[in-house]
Amino acid sequence: MGIVIRESVYRSATKVLRVLGFTVGLLVLAVVGLTIWCATPESGFGPENIERVRQSIRDYYSQKSLQVAEINLIRENKQKLSGYILVRIPDITEPVQKTCTATMDDKFEKFIWSCG
């Protein structure tokens, strides 16, 4: 009878270890998956792309001999920015404010902006 009790304890311990191993394995896979998902860069307007839009706006207005005093763009979602710019126009003392928007293609990170 002592042998039967030991075998049942052994079987129970084996089952517990199998379940525990399976659970630990799932947990490891979940952690690895989450790490990969978090490390994948998000497409759309990130800090470097927002700076590219700002520089494009500055370049455009400087070609027209106008100085951009301020650019304020806020990310509405991953593919859209909105905000305003302040442009200094010769012979006008106060800067002129223009509303701006920018959108980005999700695949190729190409953007288009307009201020009006």
C-alpha atoms as a PDB file:
ATOM      1  CA  MET A   1       0.000   0.000   0.000  1.00  0.00           C
ATOM      2  CA  GLY A   2       2.903   2.340   0.627  1.00  0.00           C
ATOM      3  CA  ILE A   3       4.036   1.831  -2.951  1.00  0.00           C
ATOM      4  CA  VAL A   4       0.626   2.858  -4.323  1.00  0.00           C
ATOM      5  CA  ILE A   5       0.694   6.084  -2.300  1.00  0.00           C
ATOM      6  CA  ARG A   6       4.167   6.876  -3.560  1.00  0.00           C
ATOM      7  CA  GLU A   7       3.166   6.264  -7.165  1.00  0.00           C
ATOM      8  CA  SER A   8       0.135   8.547  -6.835  1.00  0.00           C
ATOM      9  CA  VAL A   9       2.288  11.245  -5.266  1.00  0.00           C
ATOM     10  CA  TYR A  10       4.794  10.811  -8.105  1.00  0.00           C
ATOM     11  CA  ARG A  11       2.017  11.070 -10.723  1.00  0.00           C
ATOM     12  CA  SER A  12       0.572  14.170  -9.057  1.00  0.00           C
ATOM     13  CA  ALA A  13       3.988  15.807  -8.867  1.00  0.00           C
ATOM     14  CA  THR A  14       4.619  14.962 -12.533  1.00  0.00           C
ATOM     15  CA  LYS A  15       1.305  16.523 -13.551  1.00  0.00           C
ATOM     16  CA  VAL A  16       2.043  19.651 -11.533  1.00  0.00           C
ATOM     17  CA  LEU A  17       5.475  19.978 -13.142  1.00  0.00           C
ATOM     18  CA  ARG A  18       4.013  19.543 -16.632  1.00  0.00           C
ATOM     19  CA  VAL A  19       1.382  22.216 -16.014  1.00  0.00           C
ATOM     20  CA  LEU A  20       3.982  24.491 -14.452  1.00  0.00           C
ATOM     21  CA  GLY A  21       6.361  23.986 -17.384  1.00  0.00           C
ATOM     22  CA  PHE A  22       3.584  24.694 -19.876  1.00  0.00           C
ATOM     23  CA  THR A  23       2.580  27.849 -17.982  1.00  0.00           C
ATOM     24  CA  VAL A  24       6.169  29.098 -17.786  1.00  0.00           C
ATOM     25  CA  GLY A  25       6.599  28.413 -21.499  1.00  0.00           C
ATOM     26  CA  LEU A  26       3.501  30.435 -22.354  1.00  0.00           C
ATOM     27  CA  LEU A  27       4.676  33.244 -20.126  1.00  0.00           C
ATOM     28  CA  VAL A  28       8.094  33.333 -21.815  1.00  0.00           C
ATOM     29  CA  LEU A  29       6.456  33.417 -25.253  1.00  0.00           C
ATOM     30  CA  ALA A  30       4.169  36.245 -24.153  1.00  0.00           C
ATOM     31  CA  VAL A  31       7.100  38.291 -22.824  1.00  0.00           C
ATOM     32  CA  VAL A  32       9.127  37.748 -26.005  1.00  0.00           C
ATOM     33  CA  GLY A  33       6.149  38.682 -28.180  1.00  0.00           C
ATOM     34  CA  LEU A  34       5.433  41.814 -26.183  1.00  0.00           C
ATOM     35  CA  THR A  35       9.082  42.840 -26.323  1.00  0.00           C
ATOM     36  CA  ILE A  36       9.181  42.453 -30.108  1.00  0.00           C
ATOM     37  CA  TRP A  37       5.885  44.309 -30.495  1.00  0.00           C
ATOM     38  CA  CYS A  38       7.081  47.222 -28.353  1.00  0.00           C
ATOM     39  CA  ALA A  39      10.449  47.401 -30.101  1.00  0.00           C
ATOM     40  CA  THR A  40       8.906  47.608 -33.570  1.00  0.00           C
ATOM     41  CA  PRO A  41       8.932  51.239 -34.621  1.00  0.00           C
ATOM     42  CA  GLU A  42       5.518  52.745 -35.158  1.00  0.00           C
ATOM     43  CA  SER A  43       4.839  53.970 -38.650  1.00  0.00           C
ATOM     44  CA  GLY A  44       3.631  57.498 -39.148  1.00  0.00           C
ATOM     45  CA  PHE A  45       4.731  60.752 -37.582  1.00  0.00           C
ATOM     46  CA  GLY A  46       7.486  60.141 -35.076  1.00  0.00           C
ATOM     47  CA  PRO A  47       9.763  62.878 -33.704  1.00  0.00           C
ATOM     48  CA  GLU A  48      12.179  62.691 -36.638  1.00  0.00           C
ATOM     49  CA  ASN A  49       9.372  62.907 -39.211  1.00  0.00           C
ATOM     50  CA  ILE A  50       7.783  65.857 -37.428  1.00  0.00           C
ATOM     51  CA  GLU A  51      11.138  67.622 -37.595  1.00  0.00           C
ATOM     52  CA  ARG A  52      11.323  66.835 -41.337  1.00  0.00           C
ATOM     53  CA  VAL A  53       7.938  68.539 -41.810  1.00  0.00           C
ATOM     54  CA  ARG A  54       9.080  71.572 -39.811  1.00  0.00           C
ATOM     55  CA  GLN A  55      12.236  71.850 -41.900  1.00  0.00           C
ATOM     56  CA  SER A  56      10.250  71.507 -45.121  1.00  0.00           C
ATOM     57  CA  ILE A  57       7.968  74.364 -44.033  1.00  0.00           C
ATOM     58  CA  ARG A  58      10.957  76.558 -43.096  1.00  0.00           C
ATOM     59  CA  ASP A  59      12.647  75.823 -46.433  1.00  0.00           C
ATOM     60  CA  TYR A  60       9.488  76.633 -48.401  1.00  0.00           C
ATOM     61  CA  TYR A  61       8.954  80.004 -46.741  1.00  0.00           C
ATOM     62  CA  SER A  62      12.636  80.939 -46.825  1.00  0.00           C
ATOM     63  CA  GLN A  63      12.584  80.418 -50.625  1.00  0.00           C
ATOM     64  CA  LYS A  64       9.825  83.052 -50.672  1.00  0.00           C
ATOM     65  CA  SER A  65      12.047  85.382 -48.583  1.00  0.00           C
ATOM     66  CA  LEU A  66       9.803  85.011 -45.538  1.00  0.00           C
ATOM     67  CA  GLN A  67      10.971  84.131 -42.047  1.00  0.00           C
ATOM     68  CA  VAL A  68       9.127  81.526 -39.973  1.00  0.00           C
ATOM     69  CA  ALA A  69       9.042  82.777 -36.394  1.00  0.00           C
ATOM     70  CA  GLU A  70       7.337  79.756 -34.855  1.00  0.00           C
ATOM     71  CA  ILE A  71       6.047  76.335 -35.864  1.00  0.00           C
ATOM     72  CA  ASN A  72       3.663  74.457 -33.595  1.00  0.00           C
ATOM     73  CA  LEU A  73       2.494  71.055 -34.836  1.00  0.00           C
ATOM     74  CA  ILE A  74       0.562  68.554 -32.735  1.00  0.00           C
ATOM     75  CA  ARG A  75       0.166  64.903 -33.621  1.00  0.00           C
ATOM     76  CA  GLU A  76      -3.562  64.140 -33.901  1.00  0.00           C
ATOM     77  CA  ASN A  77      -2.930  60.514 -34.819  1.00  0.00           C
ATOM     78  CA  LYS A  78      -0.093  58.537 -36.340  1.00  0.00           C
ATOM     79  CA  GLN A  79      -0.770  59.928 -39.819  1.00  0.00           C
ATOM     80  CA  LYS A  80      -1.947  63.499 -39.186  1.00  0.00           C
ATOM     81  CA  LEU A  81      -0.438  66.654 -37.726  1.00  0.00           C
ATOM     82  CA  SER A  82      -2.208  69.950 -37.226  1.00  0.00           C
ATOM     83  CA  GLY A  83      -1.159  73.289 -35.848  1.00  0.00           C
ATOM     84  CA  TYR A  84       0.003  76.693 -36.952  1.00  0.00           C
ATOM     85  CA  ILE A  85       3.017  78.725 -38.016  1.00  0.00           C
ATOM     86  CA  LEU A  86       3.884  82.359 -37.437  1.00  0.00           C
ATOM     87  CA  VAL A  87       5.431  84.005 -40.497  1.00  0.00           C
ATOM     88  CA  ARG A  88       7.178  87.377 -40.498  1.00  0.00           C
ATOM     89  CA  ILE A  89       6.258  89.321 -43.608  1.00  0.00           C
ATOM     90  CA  PRO A  90       8.348  92.370 -44.604  1.00  0.00           C
ATOM     91  CA  ASP A  91       6.673  95.741 -43.870  1.00  0.00           C
ATOM     92  CA  ILE A  92       4.273  94.125 -41.344  1.00  0.00           C
ATOM     93  CA  THR A  93       5.268  94.441 -37.683  1.00  0.00           C
ATOM     94  CA  GLU A  94       3.283  91.526 -36.279  1.00  0.00           C
ATOM     95  CA  PRO A  95       3.822  87.961 -37.490  1.00  0.00           C
ATOM     96  CA  VAL A  96       0.979  86.425 -39.499  1.00  0.00           C
ATOM     97  CA  GLN A  97      -0.488  83.149 -38.233  1.00  0.00           C
ATOM     98  CA  LYS A  98      -1.336  80.384 -40.684  1.00  0.00           C
ATOM     99  CA  THR A  99      -3.135  77.131 -39.887  1.00  0.00           C
ATOM    100  CA  CYS A 100      -1.238  74.025 -40.997  1.00  0.00           C
ATOM    101  CA  THR A 101      -1.939  70.338 -41.493  1.00  0.00           C
ATOM    102  CA  ALA A 102       0.271  67.474 -42.577  1.00  0.00           C
ATOM    103  CA  THR A 103      -0.563  63.903 -43.517  1.00  0.00           C
ATOM    104  CA  MET A 104       1.706  60.914 -43.998  1.00  0.00           C
ATOM    105  CA  ASP A 105       1.510  57.781 -46.061  1.00  0.00           C
ATOM    106  CA  ASP A 106       1.598  54.755 -43.760  1.00  0.00           C
ATOM    107  CA  LYS A 107       3.851  52.613 -45.958  1.00  0.00           C
ATOM    108  CA  PHE A 108       6.520  54.889 -47.400  1.00  0.00           C
ATOM    109  CA  GLU A 109       6.689  57.674 -44.797  1.00  0.00           C
ATOM    110  CA  LYS A 110       6.063  60.334 -47.450  1.00  0.00           C
ATOM    111  CA  PHE A 111       4.233  63.384 -46.214  1.00  0.00           C
ATOM    112  CA  ILE A 112       2.380  66.364 -47.594  1.00  0.00           C
ATOM    113  CA  TRP A 113       1.656  69.570 -45.720  1.00  0.00           C
ATOM    114  CA  SER A 114      -0.280  72.739 -46.308  1.00  0.00           C
ATOM    115  CA  CYS A 115      -0.501  76.039 -44.490  1.00  0.00           C
ATOM    116  CA  GLY A 116      -3.103  78.614 -45.386  1.00  0.00           C
END
